[in-house]
Amino acid sequence: MFYFLNEQQGGAIVRAGERRKLYFSDPMIGYDLLTPDFSRQMMSVLIRLNPYARRIAMPLAKTTEQWMHVLEGQMEIIIGDESYILEIGDTIYYDGDLLREFSSVNDQELVIICCVSPPAL
């Protein structure tokens, strides 16, 4: 899915009104690319999920390290066999191949920042 966001943009600044975005209607989930492209050592996306929406992780093409930070809402995330509830301001760091799913677990939109290193398509 990130393939559709990866267009060489150049430069170091990504203006808020010029971000590349990918949004799905069912379940409502959206991705805003916060880094210029995938050509560097890290990519960062802003992810939005509707209340009670869930995202099941797909296997990645390569091994990654990932980090998520909750900006709004409450998230349940399953890493390997462990489940965690994260509140506003909480972060989690994990091996990307262990991510199973994450979801919004209350009636608020879930907004998170996710960083992936190296970028994986």
Protein backbone atom coordinates (compact mmCIF):
# COMPACT_ATOMS: atom_id res chain seq x y z
CA MET A 1 0.00 0.00 0.00
CA PHE A 2 2.88 2.41 0.70
CA TYR A 3 3.95 1.95 -2.92
CA PHE A 4 1.29 4.51 -3.88
CA LEU A 5 2.84 7.11 -1.59
CA ASN A 6 6.39 6.72 -2.86
CA GLU A 7 7.11 9.35 -5.44
CA GLN A 8 10.52 11.03 -5.44
CA GLN A 9 9.87 14.49 -4.06
CA GLY A 10 13.32 15.72 -3.08
CA GLY A 11 14.11 18.32 -0.48
CA ALA A 12 13.91 18.05 3.27
CA ILE A 13 10.59 19.79 3.97
CA VAL A 14 7.14 18.28 3.58
CA ARG A 15 4.54 21.03 3.87
CA ALA A 16 1.31 20.11 5.68
CA GLY A 17 -0.84 20.97 2.68
CA GLU A 18 1.39 19.08 0.25
CA ARG A 19 1.68 15.68 1.92
CA ARG A 20 1.01 12.60 -0.13
CA LYS A 21 -2.05 10.82 1.30
CA LEU A 22 -3.66 7.44 0.97
CA TYR A 23 -7.10 6.91 2.51
CA PHE A 24 -9.41 3.89 2.52
CA SER A 25 -13.13 4.03 3.21
CA ASP A 26 -13.76 0.66 4.86
CA PRO A 27 -12.54 0.60 7.55
CA MET A 28 -11.71 4.27 7.52
CA ILE A 29 -7.97 4.44 7.75
CA GLY A 30 -5.67 7.05 6.29
CA TYR A 31 -1.96 7.54 5.83
CA ASP A 32 -0.14 10.86 5.35
CA LEU A 33 3.52 10.50 4.38
CA LEU A 34 5.54 12.79 6.66
CA THR A 35 8.93 12.15 5.06
CA PRO A 36 9.76 13.30 1.51
CA ASP A 37 9.96 9.75 0.08
CA PHE A 38 11.28 6.26 0.83
CA SER A 39 14.86 6.80 -0.39
CA ARG A 40 16.36 7.47 3.05
CA GLN A 41 16.93 5.31 6.13
CA MET A 42 13.53 6.03 7.71
CA MET A 43 9.97 6.76 6.70
CA SER A 44 7.32 8.35 8.85
CA VAL A 45 3.54 8.38 8.41
CA LEU A 46 0.62 9.94 10.21
CA ILE A 47 -2.11 7.29 10.55
CA ARG A 48 -5.78 8.00 11.27
CA LEU A 49 -8.33 5.32 12.18
CA ASN A 50 -12.03 5.82 12.79
CA PRO A 51 -13.35 4.82 16.21
CA TYR A 52 -13.18 1.02 16.70
CA ALA A 53 -11.45 0.49 13.32
CA ARG A 54 -8.75 -2.17 13.11
CA ARG A 55 -5.70 -2.63 10.86
CA ILE A 56 -4.25 -6.10 10.40
CA ALA A 57 -0.55 -5.96 9.55
CA MET A 58 0.67 -7.45 6.31
CA PRO A 59 4.11 -9.11 6.11
CA LEU A 60 6.81 -6.68 5.01
CA ALA A 61 9.37 -7.33 2.30
CA LYS A 62 12.27 -6.78 4.72
CA THR A 63 13.08 -6.63 8.42
CA THR A 64 12.31 -3.28 10.03
CA GLU A 65 12.29 -1.50 13.36
CA GLN A 66 9.15 0.51 14.04
CA TRP A 67 8.00 3.14 16.51
CA MET A 68 4.48 4.47 17.14
CA HIS A 69 3.34 7.49 19.14
CA VAL A 70 -0.32 8.10 20.05
CA LEU A 71 -1.44 11.69 19.38
CA GLU A 72 -5.20 11.20 19.86
CA GLY A 73 -7.49 8.37 20.97
CA GLN A 74 -6.57 5.04 22.50
CA MET A 75 -4.84 2.17 20.68
CA GLU A 76 -4.60 -1.53 21.19
CA ILE A 77 -1.55 -3.01 19.46
CA ILE A 78 -0.56 -6.65 19.21
CA ILE A 79 3.16 -7.36 18.94
CA GLY A 80 3.90 -11.08 18.66
CA ASP A 81 1.76 -12.72 21.34
CA GLU A 82 1.49 -9.60 23.53
CA SER A 83 -1.33 -7.04 23.50
CA TYR A 84 -0.84 -3.48 24.76
CA ILE A 85 -3.17 -0.52 25.32
CA LEU A 86 -1.58 2.87 24.58
CA GLU A 87 -3.01 6.21 25.64
CA ILE A 88 -2.34 9.74 24.35
CA GLY A 89 1.39 10.47 24.63
CA ASP A 90 2.43 6.79 24.88
CA THR A 91 4.98 5.26 22.50
CA ILE A 92 5.99 1.74 21.56
CA TYR A 93 9.13 0.47 19.79
CA TYR A 94 9.19 -3.01 18.21
CA ASP A 95 10.52 -5.26 15.45
CA GLY A 96 8.26 -4.70 12.44
CA ASP A 97 7.88 -8.38 11.62
CA LEU A 98 6.23 -8.93 15.03
CA LEU A 99 3.40 -6.45 14.43
CA ARG A 100 0.10 -8.34 14.12
CA GLU A 101 -2.51 -5.56 14.30
CA PHE A 102 -3.48 -2.26 15.83
CA SER A 103 -6.88 -0.72 16.45
CA SER A 104 -8.81 2.20 17.88
CA VAL A 105 -10.46 1.00 21.08
CA ASN A 106 -12.80 3.84 21.97
CA ASP A 107 -15.23 6.26 20.36
CA GLN A 108 -12.50 8.75 19.36
CA GLU A 109 -10.50 8.86 16.16
CA LEU A 110 -7.08 7.30 16.66
CA VAL A 111 -4.21 9.44 15.37
CA ILE A 112 -0.67 8.05 15.55
CA ILE A 113 2.73 8.74 14.10
CA CYS A 114 4.58 5.65 12.89
CA CYS A 115 8.27 5.60 11.94
CA VAL A 116 9.73 2.64 10.03
CA SER A 117 13.43 2.00 9.50
CA PRO A 118 14.41 1.12 6.87
CA PRO A 119 11.38 2.05 4.74
CA ALA A 120 9.48 -1.05 3.60
CA LEU A 121 7.10 -1.22 0.67
